[in-house]
Protein backbone atom coordinates (compact mmCIF):
# COMPACT_ATOMS: atom_id res chain seq x y z
CA UNK A 1 24.72 -154.45 -46.30
CA UNK A 2 24.41 -153.31 -49.90
CA UNK A 3 20.71 -154.02 -49.86
CA UNK A 4 20.26 -151.92 -46.74
CA UNK A 5 22.24 -149.06 -48.34
CA UNK A 6 20.08 -149.26 -51.45
CA UNK A 7 16.96 -149.14 -49.30
CA UNK A 8 18.21 -146.08 -47.44
CA UNK A 9 19.02 -144.27 -50.68
CA UNK A 10 15.58 -145.05 -52.09
CA UNK A 11 13.96 -143.95 -48.81
CA UNK A 12 15.89 -140.65 -48.97
CA UNK A 13 14.73 -140.17 -52.57
CA UNK A 14 11.12 -140.77 -51.50
CA UNK A 15 11.45 -138.27 -48.65
CA UNK A 16 13.00 -135.71 -51.00
CA UNK A 17 10.17 -136.16 -53.47
CA UNK A 18 7.54 -135.82 -50.74
CA UNK A 19 9.24 -132.65 -49.49
CA UNK A 20 9.28 -131.15 -52.99
CA UNK A 21 5.64 -132.12 -53.47
CA UNK A 22 4.57 -130.47 -50.20
CA UNK A 23 6.31 -127.22 -51.12
CA UNK A 24 4.69 -127.24 -54.55
CA UNK A 25 1.23 -127.94 -53.11
CA UNK A 26 1.35 -125.13 -50.51
CA UNK A 27 0.05 -122.33 -52.82
CA UNK A 28 -2.68 -124.64 -54.15
CA UNK A 29 -3.88 -125.56 -50.67
CA UNK A 30 -3.79 -121.93 -49.60
CA UNK A 31 -5.83 -120.92 -52.66
CA UNK A 32 -8.43 -123.60 -51.94
CA UNK A 33 -8.73 -122.41 -48.34
CA UNK A 34 -9.01 -118.78 -49.44
CA UNK A 35 -11.73 -119.71 -51.93
CA UNK A 36 -13.86 -121.10 -49.10
CA UNK A 37 -12.96 -118.26 -46.74
CA UNK A 38 -13.99 -115.59 -49.23
CA UNK A 39 -17.43 -117.20 -49.48
CA UNK A 40 -17.70 -117.02 -45.67
CA UNK A 41 -16.47 -113.42 -45.71
CA UNK A 42 -19.00 -112.42 -48.38
CA UNK A 43 -21.81 -114.14 -46.53
CA UNK A 44 -20.87 -112.54 -43.21
CA UNK A 45 -20.36 -109.00 -44.46
CA UNK A 46 -22.76 -108.66 -47.39
CA UNK A 47 -25.61 -110.88 -46.23
CA UNK A 48 -25.27 -111.06 -42.46
CA UNK A 49 -23.85 -107.54 -42.08
CA UNK A 50 -21.53 -108.73 -39.33
CA UNK A 51 -18.48 -106.68 -38.31
CA UNK A 52 -15.20 -107.83 -39.85
CA UNK A 53 -13.39 -108.51 -36.54
CA UNK A 54 -16.18 -110.84 -35.47
CA UNK A 55 -16.00 -112.77 -38.76
CA UNK A 56 -12.22 -113.01 -38.54
CA UNK A 57 -12.24 -114.28 -34.95
CA UNK A 58 -15.29 -116.53 -35.07
CA UNK A 59 -15.63 -117.90 -38.59
CA UNK A 60 -12.16 -117.72 -40.12
CA UNK A 61 -9.93 -118.42 -37.10
CA UNK A 62 -9.75 -122.16 -37.80
CA UNK A 63 -9.13 -121.83 -41.51
CA UNK A 64 -5.93 -123.16 -43.09
CA UNK A 65 -5.43 -119.62 -44.41
CA UNK A 66 -5.75 -118.06 -40.95
CA UNK A 67 -2.03 -118.02 -40.25
CA UNK A 68 -1.18 -116.51 -43.62
CA UNK A 69 -3.85 -113.81 -43.87
CA UNK A 70 -6.72 -113.67 -41.38
CA UNK A 71 -4.86 -113.72 -38.06
CA UNK A 72 -2.43 -110.89 -38.99
CA UNK A 73 -5.33 -108.79 -40.24
CA UNK A 74 -7.27 -109.48 -37.05
CA UNK A 75 -4.26 -108.50 -34.91
CA UNK A 76 -3.82 -105.28 -36.87
CA UNK A 77 -7.49 -104.44 -36.34
CA UNK A 78 -7.21 -105.12 -32.60
CA UNK A 79 -4.12 -102.95 -32.25
CA UNK A 80 -5.86 -100.13 -34.09
CA UNK A 81 -2.67 -98.95 -35.69
CA UNK A 82 -2.55 -95.67 -37.57
CA UNK A 83 -2.43 -97.61 -40.81
CA UNK A 84 -5.73 -97.75 -42.65
CA UNK A 85 -7.46 -101.08 -43.16
CA UNK A 86 -6.85 -101.22 -46.94
CA UNK A 87 -3.11 -100.72 -46.26
CA UNK A 88 -3.13 -103.56 -43.71
CA UNK A 89 -4.92 -105.79 -46.21
CA UNK A 90 -2.41 -104.89 -48.94
CA UNK A 91 0.53 -105.61 -46.63
CA UNK A 92 -0.81 -109.02 -45.65
CA UNK A 93 -1.83 -109.91 -49.20
CA UNK A 94 1.68 -109.08 -50.41
CA UNK A 95 3.10 -111.79 -48.11
CA UNK A 96 1.15 -114.51 -49.94
CA UNK A 97 2.77 -116.59 -52.68
CA UNK A 98 2.54 -115.42 -56.28
CA UNK A 99 -0.06 -114.90 -57.87
CA UNK A 100 -2.30 -115.09 -54.79
CA UNK A 101 -0.99 -111.73 -53.62
CA UNK A 102 -2.17 -110.07 -56.83
CA UNK A 103 -5.52 -111.85 -56.83
CA UNK A 104 -6.39 -110.85 -53.25
CA UNK A 105 -5.55 -107.16 -53.47
CA UNK A 106 -8.92 -106.07 -54.90
CA UNK A 107 -11.40 -106.91 -52.11
CA UNK A 108 -9.32 -105.26 -49.37
CA UNK A 109 -10.06 -101.73 -50.44
CA UNK A 110 -13.81 -102.41 -50.61
CA UNK A 111 -14.26 -104.26 -47.31
CA UNK A 112 -15.02 -101.12 -45.34
CA UNK A 113 -17.69 -100.06 -47.83
CA UNK A 114 -19.52 -103.39 -48.05
CA UNK A 115 -22.53 -103.61 -50.32
CA UNK A 116 -22.83 -104.79 -53.89
CA UNK A 117 -19.39 -103.53 -54.97
CA UNK A 118 -17.75 -105.70 -52.33
CA UNK A 119 -19.92 -108.70 -53.25
CA UNK A 120 -18.97 -108.27 -56.91
CA UNK A 121 -15.26 -107.89 -56.04
CA UNK A 122 -15.32 -111.03 -53.89
CA UNK A 123 -17.09 -112.96 -56.65
CA UNK A 124 -14.48 -111.84 -59.18
CA UNK A 125 -11.68 -112.75 -56.78
CA UNK A 126 -13.22 -116.19 -56.25
CA UNK A 127 -13.43 -116.68 -60.03
CA UNK A 128 -9.75 -115.78 -60.38
CA UNK A 129 -8.88 -118.17 -57.54
CA UNK A 130 -10.89 -120.92 -59.23
CA UNK A 131 -8.96 -120.35 -62.46
CA UNK A 132 -5.66 -120.39 -60.56
CA UNK A 133 -6.61 -123.63 -58.81
CA UNK A 134 -7.58 -125.26 -62.11
CA UNK A 135 -4.33 -124.34 -63.87
CA UNK A 136 -2.22 -125.12 -60.80
CA UNK A 137 -3.70 -128.63 -60.56
CA UNK A 138 -2.77 -129.24 -64.19
CA UNK A 139 0.77 -127.98 -63.55
CA UNK A 140 1.03 -130.12 -60.43
CA UNK A 141 0.07 -133.27 -62.30
CA UNK A 142 2.83 -132.75 -64.85
CA UNK A 143 5.51 -131.57 -62.42
CA UNK A 144 4.75 -134.36 -59.94
CA UNK A 145 5.80 -136.93 -62.52
CA UNK A 146 8.92 -135.02 -63.46
CA UNK A 147 10.06 -134.49 -59.87
CA UNK A 148 9.43 -138.16 -59.01
CA UNK A 149 11.40 -139.25 -62.05
CA UNK A 150 14.31 -136.95 -61.14
CA UNK A 151 14.44 -138.02 -57.50
CA UNK A 152 14.27 -141.73 -58.19
CA UNK A 153 16.53 -141.72 -61.22
CA UNK A 154 19.12 -139.82 -59.19
CA UNK A 155 18.78 -142.37 -56.41
CA UNK A 156 19.14 -145.27 -58.82
CA UNK A 157 22.19 -143.65 -60.44
CA UNK A 158 23.76 -143.25 -56.99
CA UNK A 159 23.02 -146.90 -56.22
CA UNK A 160 24.68 -147.99 -59.48
CA UNK A 161 27.74 -145.86 -58.82
CA UNK A 162 28.11 -147.15 -55.27
CA UNK A 163 27.68 -150.79 -56.26
């Protein structure tokens, strides 16, 4: 019975650690998806000269970042609200986790213009995202060890107290 209780406590610690890890990885995964999506967006608008709604619906609809950014922007464009496109972009970018909201504000105001300014802004945004991903991976490596140690040491302490 004690062995089964110990196993359940360790299983709960593992599940807690996995839950913490998933929450910590969410901004990193979103940033990686946005990095790829911005390349598609730049290619579609600057090179292919495709309309933004078509890119959002055809090329970016299946992206992991679609739910967080692309789908709400697409819906706002379809509804043709009185709000200007840069305002819609700013609103949706502000819902992203920090610092992704700050990083993604720049290209929104230039999307309607297109051209070399937009291409340059997207390239700069992608560079910032790459830097964020690099530093976030380093943080994740260190914090992963700390969170695992806390979860499992707490579980072991609980096991010792209960025994």
